[in-house]
Protein backbone atom coordinates (compact mmCIF):
# COMPACT_ATOMS: atom_id res chain seq x y z
CA UNK A 1 -14.43 66.92 -54.23
CA UNK A 2 -14.63 67.92 -50.60
CA UNK A 3 -17.40 70.35 -51.44
CA UNK A 4 -19.33 67.47 -52.91
CA UNK A 5 -19.02 65.32 -49.81
CA UNK A 6 -19.71 67.87 -47.07
CA UNK A 7 -22.27 70.66 -47.23
CA UNK A 8 -20.29 72.65 -44.66
CA UNK A 9 -16.74 71.26 -44.64
CA UNK A 10 -15.15 74.07 -42.62
CA UNK A 11 -17.25 73.08 -39.66
CA UNK A 12 -15.62 69.60 -39.52
CA UNK A 13 -12.20 70.31 -41.02
CA UNK A 14 -10.36 70.73 -37.71
CA UNK A 15 -11.88 67.55 -36.26
CA UNK A 16 -11.08 65.53 -39.39
CA UNK A 17 -7.49 66.57 -39.81
CA UNK A 18 -6.53 66.61 -36.12
CA UNK A 19 -8.12 63.27 -35.26
CA UNK A 20 -5.67 60.82 -33.61
CA UNK A 21 -6.93 57.99 -35.81
CA UNK A 22 -6.55 57.31 -39.52
CA UNK A 23 -9.65 58.24 -41.53
CA UNK A 24 -10.15 57.21 -45.16
CA UNK A 25 -13.17 58.04 -47.28
CA UNK A 26 -13.82 56.10 -50.52
CA UNK A 27 -16.43 56.15 -53.22
CA UNK A 28 -18.51 53.14 -54.25
CA UNK A 29 -15.56 51.82 -56.31
CA UNK A 30 -13.46 51.97 -53.12
CA UNK A 31 -11.14 54.62 -54.49
CA UNK A 32 -9.79 57.00 -51.85
CA UNK A 33 -11.35 60.46 -52.16
CA UNK A 34 -10.32 61.82 -48.79
CA UNK A 35 -7.75 61.02 -46.07
CA UNK A 36 -6.50 62.79 -42.98
CA UNK A 37 -2.88 63.41 -42.08
CA UNK A 38 -2.85 60.67 -39.47
CA UNK A 39 -3.86 58.08 -42.11
CA UNK A 40 -1.24 59.36 -44.56
CA UNK A 41 1.49 59.05 -41.94
CA UNK A 42 0.13 55.67 -40.86
CA UNK A 43 0.49 54.20 -44.34
CA UNK A 44 3.62 56.16 -45.29
CA UNK A 45 2.14 58.33 -48.01
CA UNK A 46 2.79 62.09 -48.40
CA UNK A 47 0.28 64.77 -49.25
CA UNK A 48 -2.25 63.69 -51.80
CA UNK A 49 -0.51 60.43 -52.86
CA UNK A 50 -3.46 58.34 -51.63
CA UNK A 51 -6.06 60.36 -53.54
CA UNK A 52 -7.69 58.32 -56.28
CA UNK A 53 -5.88 55.13 -55.22
CA UNK A 54 -7.96 52.01 -54.75
CA UNK A 55 -8.15 50.87 -51.18
CA UNK A 56 -6.61 47.54 -52.27
CA UNK A 57 -3.13 49.13 -52.27
CA UNK A 58 -3.35 49.07 -48.49
CA UNK A 59 -4.24 45.35 -48.37
CA UNK A 60 -1.46 42.72 -47.97
CA UNK A 61 -0.87 40.89 -51.27
CA UNK A 62 -1.83 37.47 -49.94
CA UNK A 63 -5.21 38.78 -48.74
CA UNK A 64 -6.31 40.77 -51.80
CA UNK A 65 -8.45 38.02 -53.32
CA UNK A 66 -10.38 37.48 -50.12
CA UNK A 67 -10.68 41.21 -49.49
CA UNK A 68 -12.26 41.83 -52.93
CA UNK A 69 -15.02 39.39 -51.99
CA UNK A 70 -15.66 41.27 -48.76
CA UNK A 71 -15.84 44.61 -50.63
CA UNK A 72 -18.29 43.21 -53.16
CA UNK A 73 -20.49 41.93 -50.37
CA UNK A 74 -20.23 45.28 -48.63
CA UNK A 75 -21.41 47.06 -51.78
CA UNK A 76 -24.55 44.95 -51.88
CA UNK A 77 -25.23 45.07 -48.14
CA UNK A 78 -23.49 48.11 -46.65
CA UNK A 79 -23.34 48.05 -42.84
CA UNK A 80 -21.50 49.95 -40.14
CA UNK A 81 -19.40 47.64 -38.01
CA UNK A 82 -15.92 46.78 -36.74
CA UNK A 83 -14.12 44.85 -39.41
CA UNK A 84 -12.53 41.46 -38.73
CA UNK A 85 -13.61 41.28 -35.09
CA UNK A 86 -11.49 38.72 -33.29
CA UNK A 87 -9.05 38.44 -36.23
CA UNK A 88 -5.44 39.55 -36.47
CA UNK A 89 -5.79 42.13 -39.31
CA UNK A 90 -2.78 43.65 -41.03
CA UNK A 91 -2.38 46.54 -43.48
CA UNK A 92 0.37 47.34 -45.98
CA UNK A 93 2.41 50.54 -45.98
CA UNK A 94 3.83 52.21 -49.05
CA UNK A 95 7.19 50.49 -48.40
CA UNK A 96 5.37 47.09 -48.48
CA UNK A 97 5.87 46.53 -44.75
CA UNK A 98 2.92 45.14 -42.81
CA UNK A 99 1.57 46.26 -39.47
CA UNK A 100 -1.39 45.21 -37.31
CA UNK A 101 -4.52 47.35 -37.41
CA UNK A 102 -8.01 47.64 -36.06
CA UNK A 103 -10.58 49.02 -38.50
CA UNK A 104 -14.21 50.13 -38.26
CA UNK A 105 -16.38 50.72 -41.31
CA UNK A 106 -19.24 53.15 -41.84
CA UNK A 107 -21.12 54.49 -44.87
CA UNK A 108 -23.40 57.26 -46.04
CA UNK A 109 -25.26 58.29 -49.18
CA UNK A 110 -25.02 61.65 -50.89
CA UNK A 111 -27.04 62.39 -54.05
CA UNK A 112 -27.67 58.71 -54.66
CA UNK A 113 -23.95 57.96 -54.40
CA UNK A 114 -22.61 55.53 -51.78
CA UNK A 115 -19.52 56.50 -49.81
CA UNK A 116 -17.53 54.49 -47.27
CA UNK A 117 -15.54 55.67 -44.26
CA UNK A 118 -12.79 53.57 -42.66
CA UNK A 119 -11.38 54.39 -39.22
CA UNK A 120 -7.95 52.77 -38.93
CA UNK A 121 -5.75 52.39 -35.80
CA UNK A 122 -2.21 51.09 -35.61
CA UNK A 123 -2.28 48.46 -32.84
CA UNK A 124 1.38 47.47 -33.01
CA UNK A 125 1.94 48.58 -29.43
CA UNK A 126 -1.34 47.05 -28.34
CA UNK A 127 -0.45 43.71 -29.97
CA UNK A 128 2.99 43.90 -28.39
CA UNK A 129 1.42 44.46 -24.97
CA UNK A 130 -1.10 41.69 -25.64
CA UNK A 131 1.68 39.34 -26.69
CA UNK A 132 3.65 40.27 -23.59
CA UNK A 133 0.53 39.61 -21.53
CA UNK A 134 0.07 36.27 -23.27
CA UNK A 135 3.71 35.39 -22.63
CA UNK A 136 3.39 36.56 -19.05
CA UNK A 137 0.22 34.50 -18.64
CA UNK A 138 1.98 31.49 -20.13
CA UNK A 139 4.90 32.10 -17.82
CA UNK A 140 2.52 32.45 -14.87
CA UNK A 141 0.69 29.28 -15.96
CA UNK A 142 4.00 27.46 -16.25
CA UNK A 143 5.01 28.77 -12.85
CA UNK A 144 1.63 27.70 -11.46
CA UNK A 145 2.05 24.26 -13.02
CA UNK A 146 5.60 24.04 -11.70
CA UNK A 147 4.36 25.23 -8.31
CA UNK A 148 1.56 22.66 -8.38
CA UNK A 149 4.04 19.94 -9.32
CA UNK A 150 6.39 21.16 -6.61
CA UNK A 151 3.53 21.19 -4.11
CA UNK A 152 2.53 17.68 -5.21
CA UNK A 153 6.14 16.52 -4.97
CA UNK A 154 6.59 18.14 -1.55
CA UNK A 155 3.25 16.76 -0.40
CA UNK A 156 4.24 13.29 -1.62
CA UNK A 157 7.64 13.62 0.03
CA UNK A 158 5.91 14.71 3.23
CA UNK A 159 3.49 11.79 3.01
CA UNK A 160 6.42 9.43 2.40
CA UNK A 161 8.25 10.92 5.37
CA UNK A 162 5.14 10.60 7.53
CA UNK A 163 4.72 7.03 6.30
CA UNK A 164 8.32 6.25 7.21
CA UNK A 165 7.88 7.91 10.60
CA UNK A 166 4.73 5.88 11.21
CA UNK A 167 6.55 2.73 10.11
CA UNK A 168 9.52 3.53 12.35
CA UNK A 169 7.17 4.38 15.20
CA UNK A 170 5.39 1.08 14.67
CA UNK A 171 8.72 -0.75 14.54
CA UNK A 172 9.86 0.98 17.72
CA UNK A 173 6.58 0.11 19.42
CA UNK A 174 6.97 -3.51 18.29
CA UNK A 175 10.58 -3.54 19.46
CA UNK A 176 9.55 -2.07 22.79
CA UNK A 177 6.75 -4.59 23.10
CA UNK A 178 9.19 -7.39 22.26
CA UNK A 179 11.60 -6.06 24.90
CA UNK A 180 8.78 -6.03 27.43
CA UNK A 181 7.75 -9.56 26.39
CA UNK A 182 11.37 -10.69 26.49
CA UNK A 183 11.80 -9.24 29.96
CA UNK A 184 8.61 -10.97 31.03
CA UNK A 185 9.80 -14.23 29.45
CA UNK A 186 13.15 -13.95 31.24
CA UNK A 187 11.39 -13.40 34.55
CA UNK A 188 9.06 -16.34 33.95
CA UNK A 189 11.97 -18.50 32.79
CA UNK A 190 14.05 -17.75 35.87
CA UNK A 191 11.06 -18.40 38.11
CA UNK A 192 10.17 -21.63 36.31
CA UNK A 193 13.76 -22.87 36.01
CA UNK A 194 14.55 -22.22 39.65
CA UNK A 195 11.44 -24.19 40.65
CA UNK A 196 11.77 -27.02 38.13
CA UNK A 197 15.50 -27.56 38.69
CA UNK A 198 15.34 -27.24 42.47
CA UNK A 199 12.94 -30.17 42.96
CA UNK A 200 14.92 -32.90 41.14
CA UNK A 201 18.26 -31.55 42.37
CA UNK A 202 16.99 -31.63 45.98
CA UNK A 203 15.80 -35.18 45.41
CA UNK A 204 19.19 -36.19 43.97
CA UNK A 205 21.12 -34.63 46.87
CA UNK A 206 18.92 -36.16 49.55
CA UNK A 207 19.02 -39.60 47.93
CA UNK A 208 22.80 -39.41 47.50
CA UNK A 209 23.16 -38.46 51.19
CA UNK A 210 20.94 -41.37 52.30
CA UNK A 211 22.79 -43.90 50.11
CA UNK A 212 25.96 -43.12 52.04
CA UNK A 213 24.25 -44.28 55.24
CA UNK A 214 23.14 -47.63 53.82
CA UNK A 215 26.46 -49.52 54.09
CA UNK A 216 25.27 -52.95 55.16
CA UNK A 217 24.35 -55.74 52.70
CA UNK A 218 20.82 -56.02 54.04
CA UNK A 219 20.15 -52.39 53.14
CA UNK A 220 20.63 -52.96 49.39
CA UNK A 221 16.87 -52.55 48.59
CA UNK A 222 16.90 -49.11 50.20
CA UNK A 223 19.99 -48.17 48.18
CA UNK A 224 18.26 -49.35 44.98
CA UNK A 225 15.20 -47.25 45.85
CA UNK A 226 17.26 -44.05 46.16
CA UNK A 227 19.31 -44.89 43.06
CA UNK A 228 16.02 -45.14 41.16
CA UNK A 229 14.97 -41.75 42.55
CA UNK A 230 18.26 -40.26 41.34
CA UNK A 231 17.79 -41.77 37.85
CA UNK A 232 14.24 -40.47 37.68
CA UNK A 233 15.31 -36.95 38.72
CA UNK A 234 18.17 -36.95 36.19
CA UNK A 235 15.70 -38.06 33.51
CA UNK A 236 13.37 -35.22 34.48
CA UNK A 237 16.23 -32.70 34.26
CA UNK A 238 17.17 -34.11 30.84
CA UNK A 239 13.60 -33.62 29.63
CA UNK A 240 13.60 -29.99 30.81
CA UNK A 241 16.91 -29.30 29.06
CA UNK A 242 15.61 -31.03 25.90
CA UNK A 243 12.62 -28.69 25.89
CA UNK A 244 14.89 -25.64 26.24
CA UNK A 245 17.06 -26.87 23.37
CA UNK A 246 14.03 -27.54 21.18
CA UNK A 247 12.71 -24.02 21.73
CA UNK A 248 16.12 -22.57 20.89
CA UNK A 249 16.38 -24.55 17.64
CA UNK A 250 12.83 -23.70 16.61
CA UNK A 251 13.30 -19.98 17.29
CA UNK A 252 16.59 -19.99 15.35
CA UNK A 253 14.96 -21.77 12.38
CA UNK A 254 17.45 -24.64 12.58
CA UNK A 255 14.87 -27.42 12.45
CA UNK A 256 14.40 -29.06 9.04
CA UNK A 257 11.60 -31.40 8.00
CA UNK A 258 12.87 -34.84 6.87
CA UNK A 259 9.94 -37.03 5.75
CA UNK A 260 10.29 -40.82 5.80
CA UNK A 261 7.97 -43.71 5.11
CA UNK A 262 7.05 -45.83 8.15
CA UNK A 263 4.70 -48.55 9.42
CA UNK A 264 1.85 -46.92 11.34
CA UNK A 265 1.24 -49.80 13.78
CA UNK A 266 4.95 -50.26 14.62
CA UNK A 267 5.38 -46.54 15.23
CA UNK A 268 2.43 -46.28 17.65
CA UNK A 269 3.18 -49.53 19.48
CA UNK A 270 6.72 -48.29 20.15
CA UNK A 271 5.34 -44.87 21.22
CA UNK A 272 2.95 -46.42 23.78
CA UNK A 273 5.74 -48.67 25.13
CA UNK A 274 8.01 -45.64 25.65
CA UNK A 275 5.39 -44.06 27.90
CA UNK A 276 4.83 -47.15 30.07
CA UNK A 277 7.03 -45.76 32.86
CA UNK A 278 4.96 -42.57 33.13
CA UNK A 279 1.60 -44.26 33.69
CA UNK A 280 0.03 -44.11 37.11
CA UNK A 281 -1.10 -47.33 38.85
CA UNK A 282 -4.24 -48.61 37.10
CA UNK A 283 -3.84 -46.15 34.26
CA UNK A 284 -3.49 -47.29 30.64
CA UNK A 285 -3.22 -45.87 27.11
CA UNK A 286 -5.96 -47.32 24.90
CA UNK A 287 -4.65 -47.33 21.30
CA UNK A 288 -6.99 -47.68 18.30
CA UNK A 289 -5.75 -47.65 14.67
CA UNK A 290 -8.27 -47.74 11.80
CA UNK A 291 -5.81 -49.48 9.44
CA UNK A 292 -2.91 -51.19 11.31
CA UNK A 293 -1.31 -52.28 8.02
CA UNK A 294 -1.11 -48.73 6.67
CA UNK A 295 2.09 -46.85 5.92
CA UNK A 296 2.56 -43.11 6.12
CA UNK A 297 5.18 -40.47 5.32
CA UNK A 298 6.16 -37.57 7.57
CA UNK A 299 9.03 -36.49 9.82
CA UNK A 300 8.89 -39.28 12.42
CA UNK A 301 11.18 -37.45 14.85
CA UNK A 302 8.84 -34.44 14.97
CA UNK A 303 5.74 -36.64 15.08
CA UNK A 304 7.20 -38.59 18.02
CA UNK A 305 7.97 -35.37 19.93
CA UNK A 306 4.46 -34.03 19.22
CA UNK A 307 2.71 -37.15 20.47
CA UNK A 308 5.03 -37.75 23.42
CA UNK A 309 4.24 -34.25 24.57
CA UNK A 310 0.50 -34.63 24.11
CA UNK A 311 0.34 -38.10 25.71
CA UNK A 312 2.64 -37.23 28.63
CA UNK A 313 0.40 -34.25 29.44
CA UNK A 314 -2.70 -36.45 29.23
CA UNK A 315 -1.10 -38.98 31.61
CA UNK A 316 0.19 -36.28 33.94
CA UNK A 317 -3.10 -34.40 34.31
CA UNK A 318 -5.43 -37.42 34.50
CA UNK A 319 -5.92 -40.36 36.85
CA UNK A 320 -7.93 -42.41 34.38
CA UNK A 321 -7.14 -44.07 31.06
CA UNK A 322 -5.94 -42.03 28.07
CA UNK A 323 -7.36 -42.70 24.59
CA UNK A 324 -5.15 -42.57 21.49
CA UNK A 325 -7.09 -42.94 18.22
CA UNK A 326 -5.49 -42.98 14.75
CA UNK A 327 -7.77 -42.59 11.72
CA UNK A 328 -6.14 -43.18 8.32
CA UNK A 329 -7.66 -40.95 5.62
CA UNK A 330 -7.00 -40.74 1.86
CA UNK A 331 -4.01 -38.36 1.97
CA UNK A 332 -3.75 -37.60 5.67
CA UNK A 333 -3.79 -38.99 9.19
CA UNK A 334 -6.11 -37.83 11.98
CA UNK A 335 -4.77 -38.39 15.50
CA UNK A 336 -6.84 -37.83 18.63
CA UNK A 337 -5.55 -37.81 22.22
CA UNK A 338 -8.30 -37.72 24.84
CA UNK A 339 -7.93 -37.70 28.62
CA UNK A 340 -10.37 -37.52 31.51
CA UNK A 341 -8.32 -35.18 33.66
CA UNK A 342 -8.52 -31.75 35.26
CA UNK A 343 -9.26 -29.91 32.01
CA UNK A 344 -8.33 -26.36 30.98
CA UNK A 345 -10.39 -23.23 31.56
CA UNK A 346 -11.68 -21.26 28.57
CA UNK A 347 -9.60 -18.26 29.64
CA UNK A 348 -6.38 -20.31 29.82
CA UNK A 349 -7.03 -21.93 26.41
CA UNK A 350 -6.34 -18.57 24.73
CA UNK A 351 -2.71 -18.65 25.95
CA UNK A 352 -1.91 -22.37 25.91
CA UNK A 353 0.61 -22.24 23.07
CA UNK A 354 2.58 -19.31 24.47
CA UNK A 355 6.04 -19.94 25.87
CA UNK A 356 6.19 -20.70 29.62
CA UNK A 357 2.42 -20.43 30.01
CA UNK A 358 0.78 -22.80 32.47
CA UNK A 359 -2.91 -23.12 33.26
CA UNK A 360 -4.15 -21.76 36.55
CA UNK A 361 -5.16 -25.24 37.78
CA UNK A 362 -1.83 -26.86 36.71
CA UNK A 363 0.60 -24.97 38.90
CA UNK A 364 0.80 -27.72 41.51
CA UNK A 365 1.92 -30.22 38.82
CA UNK A 366 5.57 -30.00 37.62
CA UNK A 367 6.09 -28.58 34.14
CA UNK A 368 7.94 -25.91 32.16
CA UNK A 369 5.06 -24.41 30.17
CA UNK A 370 7.00 -25.11 26.97
CA UNK A 371 5.47 -28.41 25.87
CA UNK A 372 2.38 -27.14 24.07
CA UNK A 373 4.35 -24.28 22.50
CA UNK A 374 6.88 -26.75 21.07
CA UNK A 375 4.12 -29.13 19.96
CA UNK A 376 2.30 -26.35 18.09
CA UNK A 377 5.50 -25.28 16.30
CA UNK A 378 6.30 -28.85 15.22
CA UNK A 379 2.76 -29.42 13.93
CA UNK A 380 3.01 -26.32 11.75
CA UNK A 381 6.44 -27.38 10.46
CA UNK A 382 5.03 -30.66 9.10
CA UNK A 383 2.08 -28.70 7.59
CA UNK A 384 -0.47 -30.07 10.02
CA UNK A 385 -3.42 -28.65 11.91
CA UNK A 386 -4.06 -28.77 15.65
CA UNK A 387 -7.30 -28.24 17.55
CA UNK A 388 -7.87 -28.45 21.30
CA UNK A 389 -11.13 -28.65 23.24
CA UNK A 390 -11.37 -28.86 27.00
CA UNK A 391 -13.65 -28.39 30.00
CA UNK A 392 -12.72 -28.08 33.65
CA UNK A 393 -12.89 -31.48 35.42
CA UNK A 394 -14.10 -33.14 32.20
CA UNK A 395 -10.81 -33.61 30.37
CA UNK A 396 -9.04 -32.44 27.25
CA UNK A 397 -9.10 -33.61 23.63
CA UNK A 398 -6.34 -32.74 21.17
CA UNK A 399 -6.79 -33.51 17.47
CA UNK A 400 -4.01 -33.42 14.89
CA UNK A 401 -4.57 -33.66 11.13
CA UNK A 402 -1.29 -34.32 9.31
CA UNK A 403 -0.80 -34.49 5.51
CA UNK A 404 1.03 -37.40 3.89
CA UNK A 405 4.38 -35.90 2.79
CA UNK A 406 5.29 -38.67 0.34
């Protein structure tokens, strides 16, 4: 048969038999007519056992049906090409075991007969290496993913740490600022207290010393005058202490809102009467109420403190009349206190509600600098709004809008 296939077989015999790849030659019926030793060893056949066998004996059983279709197509359209490119091809040994292969097909014609050549390689080792590479790549990918997750986690942890450090830094800065403010407040408090307490205490001591000298009956009016000065100074000291206590309670959150229903006209008439002793000669408080018969509900204690503070300031810083207007609205009350006094500069208005702050043009007039701060806190407690407008030497207007808490 070999003489039929090759015109000069001796010339190619050494190459064919010593080739390090399995070579099978079949006729047009795909029966093996020639095989080299490498192919025989590859498939587990000895000597001439493969001769005359159909190529299908080398095909896995579960693929024979499909393979027959490929062979039939190959017979009609013979081409030279790698077979099953990109597929995981397997071949069957004599002992029925399967192993992975790579196969290339070729063909030639001799005396009008078609012959096919198959070049077969065992790629078990190659597939093993490929699988190891795949597993290694998967392992590397998993490691990369784990590393990415670790990097993300570390980055997040670092960001969280930085966030905490920024927060702590901010808290420390705030604490430091509060310490600075507290130190400043203490300094201002000591300065204010020493000044505000010294004046009435000096007045009390001097009046007490003078009273001792007025021992005769005809000197009773002079004694009464100094007794009145002592009472007035004690009253002033009481007011200062009351302001300190109010600030302490407000800062500690110990002040509770207790709404009660009251007659508007009675409340304001009593308020104006309480301030009669503070008015300067010729000075008056002009009260106007839009609905004298109205009733309202809020914390009357807080409202009284708010208005006493506002009105006493208006009286203190003005020589002329003070206007108190009360406008009753549907669910609220609008209160306006207007004076014609020294006014407040635009620069000072930015700090008016700070503790111990006093306007630059008010330093010659006694005061603690706590009144407006307390007033603002009380207004907010009863859910009200406060606005203040003022011009130097023109006067000040304070407007409160308070909701009905019934």
